[in-house]
Amino acid sequence: EEVLNSDDIIELFTELKRADGFDVGGGEIAADALVKQ
């Protein structure tokens, strides 16, 4: 929920992708790769 208050839309996008089952950390898919997609 803390991310909801973020001004960084990519941070929010990353957290939403994580909620959807995409692991965008820990050496897996980077957020910028998903934005490029």
Full PDB file with SEQRES, HELIX, SHEET, SSBOND, CRYST1, ORIGX, SCALE, CONECT and MASTER records, all heavy atoms in Angstrom:
SEQRES   1 A   37  GLU GLU VAL LEU ASN SER ASP ASP ILE ILE GLU LEU PHE          
SEQRES   2 A   37  THR GLU LEU LYS ARG ALA ASP GLY PHE ASP VAL GLY GLY          
SEQRES   3 A   37  GLY GLU ILE ALA ALA ASP ALA LEU VAL LYS GLN                  
HELIX    1 AA1 GLU A    2  ASN A    5  5                                   4    
HELIX    2 AA2 ILE A    9  ALA A   19  1                                  11    
HELIX    3 AA3 ALA A   31  LYS A   36  1                                   6    
CRYST1    1.000    1.000    1.000  90.00  90.00  90.00 P 1           1          
ORIGX1      1.000000  0.000000  0.000000        0.00000                         
ORIGX2      0.000000  1.000000  0.000000        0.00000                         
ORIGX3      0.000000  0.000000  1.000000        0.00000                         
SCALE1      1.000000  0.000000  0.000000        0.00000                         
SCALE2      0.000000  1.000000  0.000000        0.00000                         
SCALE3      0.000000  0.000000  1.000000        0.00000                         
ATOM      1  N   GLU A   1       0.806  -1.221   0.000  1.00  0.00           N  
ATOM      2  CA  GLU A   1       0.000   0.000   0.000  1.00  0.00           C  
ATOM      3  C   GLU A   1       0.840   1.272   0.000  1.00  0.00           C  
ATOM      4  O   GLU A   1       0.407   2.318  -0.491  1.00  0.00           O  
ATOM      5  CB  GLU A   1      -0.950   0.001   1.204  1.00  0.00           C  
ATOM      6  CG  GLU A   1      -1.982  -1.119   1.198  1.00  0.00           C  
ATOM      7  CD  GLU A   1      -3.097  -0.893   0.199  1.00  0.00           C  
ATOM      8  OE1 GLU A   1      -3.262   0.256  -0.245  1.00  0.00           O  
ATOM      9  OE2 GLU A   1      -3.803  -1.864  -0.140  1.00  0.00           O  
ATOM     10  N   GLU A   2       2.064   1.214   0.550  1.00  0.00           N  
ATOM     11  CA  GLU A   2       2.914   2.405   0.593  1.00  0.00           C  
ATOM     12  C   GLU A   2       3.247   2.907  -0.811  1.00  0.00           C  
ATOM     13  O   GLU A   2       3.440   4.106  -1.024  1.00  0.00           O  
ATOM     14  CB  GLU A   2       4.205   2.105   1.363  1.00  0.00           C  
ATOM     15  CG  GLU A   2       3.987   1.825   2.847  1.00  0.00           C  
ATOM     16  CD  GLU A   2       5.289   1.570   3.577  1.00  0.00           C  
ATOM     17  OE1 GLU A   2       6.356   1.625   2.920  1.00  0.00           O  
ATOM     18  OE2 GLU A   2       5.233   1.316   4.799  1.00  0.00           O  
ATOM     19  N   VAL A   3       3.304   1.975  -1.769  1.00  0.00           N  
ATOM     20  CA  VAL A   3       3.662   2.355  -3.137  1.00  0.00           C  
ATOM     21  C   VAL A   3       2.567   3.202  -3.779  1.00  0.00           C  
ATOM     22  O   VAL A   3       2.825   3.980  -4.699  1.00  0.00           O  
ATOM     23  CB  VAL A   3       3.950   1.092  -3.980  1.00  0.00           C  
ATOM     24  CG1 VAL A   3       4.292   1.458  -5.416  1.00  0.00           C  
ATOM     25  CG2 VAL A   3       5.092   0.301  -3.369  1.00  0.00           C  
ATOM     26  N   LEU A   4       1.328   3.076  -3.304  1.00  0.00           N  
ATOM     27  CA  LEU A   4       0.232   3.865  -3.852  1.00  0.00           C  
ATOM     28  C   LEU A   4       0.494   5.357  -3.736  1.00  0.00           C  
ATOM     29  O   LEU A   4      -0.037   6.157  -4.511  1.00  0.00           O  
ATOM     30  CB  LEU A   4      -1.081   3.521  -3.143  1.00  0.00           C  
ATOM     31  CG  LEU A   4      -1.700   2.161  -3.462  1.00  0.00           C  
ATOM     32  CD1 LEU A   4      -2.929   1.942  -2.605  1.00  0.00           C  
ATOM     33  CD2 LEU A   4      -2.061   2.057  -4.935  1.00  0.00           C  
ATOM     34  N   ASN A   5       1.291   5.748  -2.770  1.00  0.00           N  
ATOM     35  CA  ASN A   5       1.582   7.168  -2.541  1.00  0.00           C  
ATOM     36  C   ASN A   5       2.824   7.641  -3.280  1.00  0.00           C  
ATOM     37  O   ASN A   5       3.223   8.803  -3.160  1.00  0.00           O  
ATOM     38  CB  ASN A   5       1.759   7.426  -1.042  1.00  0.00           C  
ATOM     39  CG  ASN A   5       0.511   7.091  -0.244  1.00  0.00           C  
ATOM     40  OD1 ASN A   5      -0.604   7.396  -0.676  1.00  0.00           O  
ATOM     41  ND2 ASN A   5       0.680   6.463   0.909  1.00  0.00           N  
ATOM     42  N   SER A   6       3.429   6.754  -4.057  1.00  0.00           N  
ATOM     43  CA  SER A   6       4.654   7.108  -4.767  1.00  0.00           C  
ATOM     44  C   SER A   6       4.349   8.011  -5.960  1.00  0.00           C  
ATOM     45  O   SER A   6       3.346   7.836  -6.651  1.00  0.00           O  
ATOM     46  CB  SER A   6       5.367   5.844  -5.248  1.00  0.00           C  
ATOM     47  OG  SER A   6       6.477   6.180  -6.059  1.00  0.00           O  
ATOM     48  N   ASP A   7       5.227   8.978  -6.216  1.00  0.00           N  
ATOM     49  CA  ASP A   7       5.106   9.828  -7.394  1.00  0.00           C  
ATOM     50  C   ASP A   7       5.777   9.199  -8.606  1.00  0.00           C  
ATOM     51  O   ASP A   7       5.699   9.747  -9.713  1.00  0.00           O  
ATOM     52  CB  ASP A   7       5.744  11.202  -7.121  1.00  0.00           C  
ATOM     53  CG  ASP A   7       5.000  11.988  -6.059  1.00  0.00           C  
ATOM     54  OD1 ASP A   7       3.764  11.831  -5.975  1.00  0.00           O  
ATOM     55  OD2 ASP A   7       5.645  12.753  -5.315  1.00  0.00           O  
ATOM     56  N   ASP A   8       6.422   8.067  -8.383  1.00  0.00           N  
ATOM     57  CA  ASP A   8       7.156   7.384  -9.439  1.00  0.00           C  
ATOM     58  C   ASP A   8       6.247   6.337 -10.077  1.00  0.00           C  
ATOM     59  O   ASP A   8       5.988   5.280  -9.491  1.00  0.00           O  
ATOM     60  CB  ASP A   8       8.415   6.726  -8.856  1.00  0.00           C  
ATOM     61  CG  ASP A   8       9.299   6.099  -9.917  1.00  0.00           C  
ATOM     62  OD1 ASP A   8       8.822   5.868 -11.039  1.00  0.00           O  
ATOM     63  OD2 ASP A   8      10.481   5.830  -9.615  1.00  0.00           O  
ATOM     64  N   ILE A   9       5.748   6.610 -11.279  1.00  0.00           N  
ATOM     65  CA  ILE A   9       4.797   5.707 -11.913  1.00  0.00           C  
ATOM     66  C   ILE A   9       5.424   4.360 -12.248  1.00  0.00           C  
ATOM     67  O   ILE A   9       4.755   3.326 -12.222  1.00  0.00           O  
ATOM     68  CB  ILE A   9       4.183   6.353 -13.182  1.00  0.00           C  
ATOM     69  CG1 ILE A   9       2.943   5.561 -13.622  1.00  0.00           C  
ATOM     70  CG2 ILE A   9       5.204   6.440 -14.312  1.00  0.00           C  
ATOM     71  CD1 ILE A   9       2.126   6.249 -14.689  1.00  0.00           C  
ATOM     72  N   ILE A  10       6.731   4.335 -12.522  1.00  0.00           N  
ATOM     73  CA  ILE A  10       7.393   3.071 -12.832  1.00  0.00           C  
ATOM     74  C   ILE A  10       7.524   2.217 -11.570  1.00  0.00           C  
ATOM     75  O   ILE A  10       7.405   0.989 -11.624  1.00  0.00           O  
ATOM     76  CB  ILE A  10       8.767   3.306 -13.477  1.00  0.00           C  
ATOM     77  CG1 ILE A  10       8.600   4.093 -14.783  1.00  0.00           C  
ATOM     78  CG2 ILE A  10       9.464   1.976 -13.753  1.00  0.00           C  
ATOM     79  CD1 ILE A  10       7.655   3.453 -15.789  1.00  0.00           C  
ATOM     80  N   GLU A  11       7.723   2.855 -10.430  1.00  0.00           N  
ATOM     81  CA  GLU A  11       7.739   2.110  -9.165  1.00  0.00           C  
ATOM     82  C   GLU A  11       6.378   1.470  -8.919  1.00  0.00           C  
ATOM     83  O   GLU A  11       6.291   0.296  -8.521  1.00  0.00           O  
ATOM     84  CB  GLU A  11       8.104   3.030  -8.004  1.00  0.00           C  
ATOM     85  CG  GLU A  11       8.158   2.305  -6.662  1.00  0.00           C  
ATOM     86  CD  GLU A  11       8.457   3.231  -5.499  1.00  0.00           C  
ATOM     87  OE1 GLU A  11       8.250   4.457  -5.632  1.00  0.00           O  
ATOM     88  OE2 GLU A  11       8.881   2.727  -4.433  1.00  0.00           O  
ATOM     89  N   LEU A  12       5.319   2.220  -9.175  1.00  0.00           N  
ATOM     90  CA  LEU A  12       3.973   1.680  -8.998  1.00  0.00           C  
ATOM     91  C   LEU A  12       3.711   0.567 -10.022  1.00  0.00           C  
ATOM     92  O   LEU A  12       3.169  -0.495  -9.676  1.00  0.00           O  
ATOM     93  CB  LEU A  12       2.940   2.796  -9.154  1.00  0.00           C  
ATOM     94  CG  LEU A  12       1.465   2.383  -9.061  1.00  0.00           C  
ATOM     95  CD1 LEU A  12       1.180   1.645  -7.763  1.00  0.00           C  
ATOM     96  CD2 LEU A  12       0.559   3.602  -9.198  1.00  0.00           C  
ATOM     97  N   PHE A  13       4.084   0.781 -11.276  1.00  0.00           N  
ATOM     98  CA  PHE A  13       3.937  -0.234 -12.314  1.00  0.00           C  
ATOM     99  C   PHE A  13       4.640  -1.527 -11.910  1.00  0.00           C  
ATOM    100  O   PHE A  13       4.085  -2.629 -12.052  1.00  0.00           O  
ATOM    101  CB  PHE A  13       4.514   0.305 -13.629  1.00  0.00           C  
ATOM    102  CG  PHE A  13       4.692  -0.729 -14.707  1.00  0.00           C  
ATOM    103  CD1 PHE A  13       3.604  -1.218 -15.417  1.00  0.00           C  
ATOM    104  CD2 PHE A  13       5.959  -1.205 -15.026  1.00  0.00           C  
ATOM    105  CE1 PHE A  13       3.768  -2.162 -16.422  1.00  0.00           C  
ATOM    106  CE2 PHE A  13       6.133  -2.145 -16.031  1.00  0.00           C  
ATOM    107  CZ  PHE A  13       5.042  -2.627 -16.733  1.00  0.00           C  
ATOM    108  N   THR A  14       5.860  -1.393 -11.390  1.00  0.00           N  
ATOM    109  CA  THR A  14       6.632  -2.562 -10.958  1.00  0.00           C  
ATOM    110  C   THR A  14       5.916  -3.331  -9.861  1.00  0.00           C  
ATOM    111  O   THR A  14       5.846  -4.564  -9.887  1.00  0.00           O  
ATOM    112  CB  THR A  14       8.022  -2.128 -10.468  1.00  0.00           C  
ATOM    113  OG1 THR A  14       8.713  -1.446 -11.510  1.00  0.00           O  
ATOM    114  CG2 THR A  14       8.850  -3.326 -10.016  1.00  0.00           C  
ATOM    115  N   GLU A  15       5.364  -2.602  -8.899  1.00  0.00           N  
ATOM    116  CA  GLU A  15       4.653  -3.262  -7.798  1.00  0.00           C  
ATOM    117  C   GLU A  15       3.369  -3.923  -8.292  1.00  0.00           C  
ATOM    118  O   GLU A  15       3.010  -5.014  -7.844  1.00  0.00           O  
ATOM    119  CB  GLU A  15       4.342  -2.245  -6.698  1.00  0.00           C  
ATOM    120  CG  GLU A  15       3.509  -2.781  -5.537  1.00  0.00           C  
ATOM    121  CD  GLU A  15       4.174  -3.930  -4.778  1.00  0.00           C  
ATOM    122  OE1 GLU A  15       5.396  -4.149  -4.956  1.00  0.00           O  
ATOM    123  OE2 GLU A  15       3.465  -4.608  -4.012  1.00  0.00           O  
ATOM    124  N   LEU A  16       2.689  -3.302  -9.235  1.00  0.00           N  
ATOM    125  CA  LEU A  16       1.484  -3.897  -9.801  1.00  0.00           C  
ATOM    126  C   LEU A  16       1.822  -5.168 -10.572  1.00  0.00           C  
ATOM    127  O   LEU A  16       1.096  -6.164 -10.490  1.00  0.00           O  
ATOM    128  CB  LEU A  16       0.778  -2.901 -10.711  1.00  0.00           C  
ATOM    129  CG  LEU A  16       0.202  -1.649 -10.041  1.00  0.00           C  
ATOM    130  CD1 LEU A  16      -0.378  -0.704 -11.084  1.00  0.00           C  
ATOM    131  CD2 LEU A  16      -0.856  -2.007  -9.005  1.00  0.00           C  
ATOM    132  N   LYS A  17       2.917  -5.154 -11.308  1.00  0.00           N  
ATOM    133  CA  LYS A  17       3.357  -6.353 -12.022  1.00  0.00           C  
ATOM    134  C   LYS A  17       3.686  -7.473 -11.036  1.00  0.00           C  
ATOM    135  O   LYS A  17       3.389  -8.644 -11.279  1.00  0.00           O  
ATOM    136  CB  LYS A  17       4.574  -6.035 -12.890  1.00  0.00           C  
ATOM    137  CG  LYS A  17       4.240  -5.428 -14.237  1.00  0.00           C  
ATOM    138  CD  LYS A  17       3.567  -6.438 -15.153  1.00  0.00           C  
ATOM    139  CE  LYS A  17       3.437  -5.949 -16.566  1.00  0.00           C  
ATOM    140  NZ  LYS A  17       2.800  -6.939 -17.467  1.00  0.00           N  
ATOM    141  N   ARG A  18       4.299  -7.117  -9.926  1.00  0.00           N  
ATOM    142  CA  ARG A  18       4.598  -8.124  -8.910  1.00  0.00           C  
ATOM    143  C   ARG A  18       3.298  -8.724  -8.381  1.00  0.00           C  
ATOM    144  O   ARG A  18       3.177  -9.943  -8.229  1.00  0.00           O  
ATOM    145  CB  ARG A  18       5.391  -7.497  -7.753  1.00  0.00           C  
ATOM    146  CG  ARG A  18       5.840  -8.521  -6.703  1.00  0.00           C  
ATOM    147  CD  ARG A  18       6.058  -7.886  -5.348  1.00  0.00           C  
ATOM    148  NE  ARG A  18       4.850  -7.268  -4.841  1.00  0.00           N  
ATOM    149  CZ  ARG A  18       3.821  -7.940  -4.337  1.00  0.00           C  
ATOM    150  NH1 ARG A  18       3.833  -9.270  -4.281  1.00  0.00           N  
ATOM    151  NH2 ARG A  18       2.754  -7.306  -3.889  1.00  0.00           N  
ATOM    152  N   ALA A  19       2.306  -7.874  -8.124  1.00  0.00           N  
ATOM    153  CA  ALA A  19       1.012  -8.363  -7.648  1.00  0.00           C  
ATOM    154  C   ALA A  19       0.371  -9.294  -8.668  1.00  0.00           C  
ATOM    155  O   ALA A  19      -0.339 -10.237  -8.311  1.00  0.00           O  
ATOM    156  CB  ALA A  19       0.085  -7.186  -7.339  1.00  0.00           C  
ATOM    157  N   ASP A  20       0.645  -9.059  -9.946  1.00  0.00           N  
ATOM    158  CA  ASP A  20       0.096  -9.897 -11.022  1.00  0.00           C  
ATOM    159  C   ASP A  20       0.886 -11.179 -11.239  1.00  0.00           C  
ATOM    160  O   ASP A  20       0.546 -11.968 -12.131  1.00  0.00           O  
ATOM    161  CB  ASP A  20       0.064  -9.113 -12.333  1.00  0.00           C  
ATOM    162  CG  ASP A  20      -1.059  -8.087 -12.370  1.00  0.00           C  
ATOM    163  OD1 ASP A  20      -2.009  -8.220 -11.577  1.00  0.00           O  
ATOM    164  OD2 ASP A  20      -0.982  -7.157 -13.187  1.00  0.00           O  
ATOM    165  N   GLY A  21       1.958 -11.377 -10.457  1.00  0.00           N  
ATOM    166  CA  GLY A  21       2.710 -12.619 -10.551  1.00  0.00           C  
ATOM    167  C   GLY A  21       4.027 -12.521 -11.271  1.00  0.00           C  
ATOM    168  O   GLY A  21       4.722 -13.524 -11.462  1.00  0.00           O  
ATOM    169  N   PHE A  22       4.433 -11.319 -11.689  1.00  0.00           N  
ATOM    170  CA  PHE A  22       5.733 -11.141 -12.329  1.00  0.00           C  
ATOM    171  C   PHE A  22       6.761 -10.727 -11.289  1.00  0.00           C  
ATOM    172  O   PHE A  22       6.588  -9.715 -10.607  1.00  0.00           O  
ATOM    173  CB  PHE A  22       5.658 -10.059 -13.409  1.00  0.00           C  
ATOM    174  CG  PHE A  22       4.937 -10.483 -14.649  1.00  0.00           C  
ATOM    175  CD1 PHE A  22       3.556 -10.417 -14.718  1.00  0.00           C  
ATOM    176  CD2 PHE A  22       5.636 -10.944 -15.741  1.00  0.00           C  
ATOM    177  CE1 PHE A  22       2.880 -10.804 -15.867  1.00  0.00           C  
ATOM    178  CE2 PHE A  22       4.976 -11.334 -16.898  1.00  0.00           C  
ATOM    179  CZ  PHE A  22       3.590 -11.263 -16.950  1.00  0.00           C  
ATOM    180  N   ASP A  23       7.825 -11.486 -11.179  1.00  0.00           N  
ATOM    181  CA  ASP A  23       8.916 -11.133 -10.271  1.00  0.00           C  
ATOM    182  C   ASP A  23       9.873 -10.235 -11.028  1.00  0.00           C  
ATOM    183  O   ASP A  23      10.600 -10.677 -11.913  1.00  0.00           O  
ATOM    184  CB  ASP A  23       9.634 -12.400  -9.802  1.00  0.00           C  
ATOM    185  CG  ASP A  23      10.745 -12.096  -8.825  1.00  0.00           C  
ATOM    186  OD1 ASP A  23      10.968 -10.913  -8.505  1.00  0.00           O  
ATOM    187  OD2 ASP A  23      11.413 -13.041  -8.394  1.00  0.00           O  
ATOM    188  N   VAL A  24       9.859  -8.949 -10.696  1.00  0.00           N  
ATOM    189  CA  VAL A  24      10.710  -7.998 -11.407  1.00  0.00           C  
ATOM    190  C   VAL A  24      11.950  -7.635 -10.611  1.00  0.00           C  
ATOM    191  O   VAL A  24      12.626  -6.674 -10.907  1.00  0.00           O  
ATOM    192  CB  VAL A  24       9.920  -6.709 -11.761  1.00  0.00           C  
ATOM    193  CG1 VAL A  24       8.835  -7.032 -12.739  1.00  0.00           C  
ATOM    194  CG2 VAL A  24       9.345  -6.058 -10.522  1.00  0.00           C  
ATOM    195  N   GLY A  25      12.257  -8.395  -9.594  1.00  0.00           N  
ATOM    196  CA  GLY A  25      13.460  -8.160  -8.810  1.00  0.00           C  
ATOM    197  C   GLY A  25      14.271  -9.428  -8.693  1.00  0.00           C  
ATOM    198  O   GLY A  25      14.012 -10.426  -9.329  1.00  0.00           O  
ATOM    199  N   GLY A  26      15.300  -9.395  -7.862  1.00  0.00           N  
ATOM    200  CA  GLY A  26      16.087 -10.588  -7.578  1.00  0.00           C  
ATOM    201  C   GLY A  26      16.752 -11.200  -8.790  1.00  0.00           C  
ATOM    202  O   GLY A  26      16.914 -12.406  -8.891  1.00  0.00           O  
ATOM    203  N   GLY A  27      17.154 -10.342  -9.749  1.00  0.00           N  
ATOM    204  CA  GLY A  27      17.842 -10.852 -10.913  1.00  0.00           C  
ATOM    205  C   GLY A  27      16.931 -11.441 -11.969  1.00  0.00           C  
ATOM    206  O   GLY A  27      17.395 -12.013 -12.946  1.00  0.00           O  
ATOM    207  N   GLU A  28      15.606 -11.303 -11.792  1.00  0.00           N  
ATOM    208  CA  GLU A  28      14.661 -11.814 -12.777  1.00  0.00           C  
ATOM    209  C   GLU A  28      14.368 -10.715 -13.812  1.00  0.00           C  
ATOM    210  O   GLU A  28      15.271 -10.066 -14.277  1.00  0.00           O  
ATOM    211  CB  GLU A  28      13.388 -12.292 -12.066  1.00  0.00           C  
ATOM    212  CG  GLU A  28      13.628 -13.416 -11.067  1.00  0.00           C  
ATOM    213  CD  GLU A  28      14.074 -14.711 -11.736  1.00  0.00           C  
ATOM    214  OE1 GLU A  28      13.716 -14.917 -12.908  1.00  0.00           O  
ATOM    215  OE2 GLU A  28      14.772 -15.497 -11.097  1.00  0.00           O  
ATOM    216  N   ILE A  29      13.103 -10.506 -14.150  1.00  0.00           N  
ATOM    217  CA  ILE A  29      12.786  -9.504 -15.168  1.00  0.00           C  
ATOM    218  C   ILE A  29      12.911  -8.104 -14.567  1.00  0.00           C  
ATOM    219  O   ILE A  29      12.258  -7.789 -13.580  1.00  0.00           O  
ATOM    220  CB  ILE A  29      11.353  -9.678 -15.686  1.00  0.00           C  
ATOM    221  CG1 ILE A  29      11.074 -11.140 -16.012  1.00  0.00           C  
ATOM    222  CG2 ILE A  29      11.141  -8.832 -16.936  1.00  0.00           C  
ATOM    223  CD1 ILE A  29       9.637 -11.402 -16.381  1.00  0.00           C  
ATOM    224  N   ALA A  30      13.723  -7.279 -15.183  1.00  0.00           N  
ATOM    225  CA  ALA A  30      13.876  -5.907 -14.708  1.00  0.00           C  
ATOM    226  C   ALA A  30      12.673  -5.080 -15.131  1.00  0.00           C  
ATOM    227  O   ALA A  30      12.044  -5.347 -16.162  1.00  0.00           O  
ATOM    228  CB  ALA A  30      15.156  -5.303 -15.268  1.00  0.00           C  
ATOM    229  N   ALA A  31      12.356  -4.067 -14.341  1.00  0.00           N  
ATOM    230  CA  ALA A  31      11.208  -3.214 -14.650  1.00  0.00           C  
ATOM    231  C   ALA A  31      11.345  -2.582 -16.019  1.00  0.00           C  
ATOM    232  O   ALA A  31      10.365  -2.487 -16.767  1.00  0.00           O  
ATOM    233  CB  ALA A  31      11.055  -2.143 -13.575  1.00  0.00           C  
ATOM    234  N   ASP A  32      12.565  -2.138 -16.393  1.00  0.00           N  
ATOM    235  CA  ASP A  32      12.719  -1.471 -17.683  1.00  0.00           C  
ATOM    236  C   ASP A  32      12.473  -2.428 -18.850  1.00  0.00           C  
ATOM    237  O   ASP A  32      12.050  -2.010 -19.926  1.00  0.00           O  
ATOM    238  CB  ASP A  32      14.084  -0.799 -17.809  1.00  0.00           C  
ATOM    239  CG  ASP A  32      15.250  -1.766 -17.666  1.00  0.00           C  
ATOM    240  OD1 ASP A  32      15.030  -2.949 -17.369  1.00  0.00           O  
ATOM    241  OD2 ASP A  32      16.398  -1.309 -17.838  1.00  0.00           O  
ATOM    242  N   ALA A  33      12.701  -3.739 -18.633  1.00  0.00           N  
ATOM    243  CA  ALA A  33      12.411  -4.724 -19.679  1.00  0.00           C  
ATOM    244  C   ALA A  33      10.909  -4.843 -19.904  1.00  0.00           C  
ATOM    245  O   ALA A  33      10.442  -4.991 -21.040  1.00  0.00           O  
ATOM    246  CB  ALA A  33      13.002  -6.078 -19.317  1.00  0.00           C  
ATOM    247  N   LEU A  34      10.131  -4.756 -18.827  1.00  0.00           N  
ATOM    248  CA  LEU A  34       8.673  -4.824 -18.950  1.00  0.00           C  
ATOM    249  C   LEU A  34       8.104  -3.543 -19.544  1.00  0.00           C  
ATOM    250  O   LEU A  34       7.129  -3.575 -20.293  1.00  0.00           O  
ATOM    251  CB  LEU A  34       8.046  -5.111 -17.587  1.00  0.00           C  
ATOM    252  CG  LEU A  34       8.291  -6.528 -17.047  1.00  0.00           C  
ATOM    253  CD1 LEU A  34       7.781  -6.656 -15.620  1.00  0.00           C  
ATOM    254  CD2 LEU A  34       7.641  -7.572 -17.944  1.00  0.00           C  
ATOM    255  N   VAL A  35       8.734  -2.399 -19.234  1.00  0.00           N  
ATOM    256  CA  VAL A  35       8.307  -1.143 -19.849  1.00  0.00           C  
ATOM    257  C   VAL A  35       8.601  -1.168 -21.346  1.00  0.00           C  
ATOM    258  O   VAL A  35       7.784  -0.732 -22.169  1.00  0.00           O  
ATOM    259  CB  VAL A  35       9.000   0.060 -19.178  1.00  0.00           C  
ATOM    260  CG1 VAL A  35       8.687   1.347 -19.932  1.00  0.00           C  
ATOM    261  CG2 VAL A  35       8.562   0.191 -17.725  1.00  0.00           C  
ATOM    262  N   LYS A  36       9.759  -1.709 -21.706  1.00  0.00           N  
ATOM    263  CA  LYS A  36      10.111  -1.845 -23.122  1.00  0.00           C  
ATOM    264  C   LYS A  36       9.114  -2.769 -23.829  1.00  0.00           C  
ATOM    265  O   LYS A  36       8.713  -2.507 -24.971  1.00  0.00           O  
ATOM    266  CB  LYS A  36      11.530  -2.392 -23.260  1.00  0.00           C  
ATOM    267  CG  LYS A  36      12.025  -2.467 -24.690  1.00  0.00           C  
ATOM    268  CD  LYS A  36      13.464  -2.953 -24.749  1.00  0.00           C  
ATOM    269  CE  LYS A  36      13.959  -3.045 -26.191  1.00  0.00           C  
ATOM    270  NZ  LYS A  36      15.366  -3.533 -26.256  1.00  0.00           N  
ATOM    271  N   GLN A  37       8.699  -3.851 -23.159  1.00  0.00           N  
ATOM    272  CA  GLN A  37       7.690  -4.737 -23.733  1.00  0.00           C  
ATOM    273  C   GLN A  37       6.387  -3.976 -23.961  1.00  0.00           C  
ATOM    274  O   GLN A  37       5.741  -4.119 -25.004  1.00  0.00           O  
ATOM    275  CB  GLN A  37       7.433  -5.929 -22.813  1.00  0.00           C  
ATOM    276  CG  GLN A  37       6.392  -6.899 -23.358  1.00  0.00           C  
ATOM    277  CD  GLN A  37       5.871  -7.874 -22.319  1.00  0.00           C  
ATOM    278  OE1 GLN A  37       5.700  -7.512 -21.153  1.00  0.00           O  
ATOM    279  NE2 GLN A  37       5.618  -9.121 -22.723  1.00  0.00           N  
TER     280      GLN A  37                                                      
MASTER        0    0    0    3    0    0    0    6  279    1    0    3          
END                                                                             
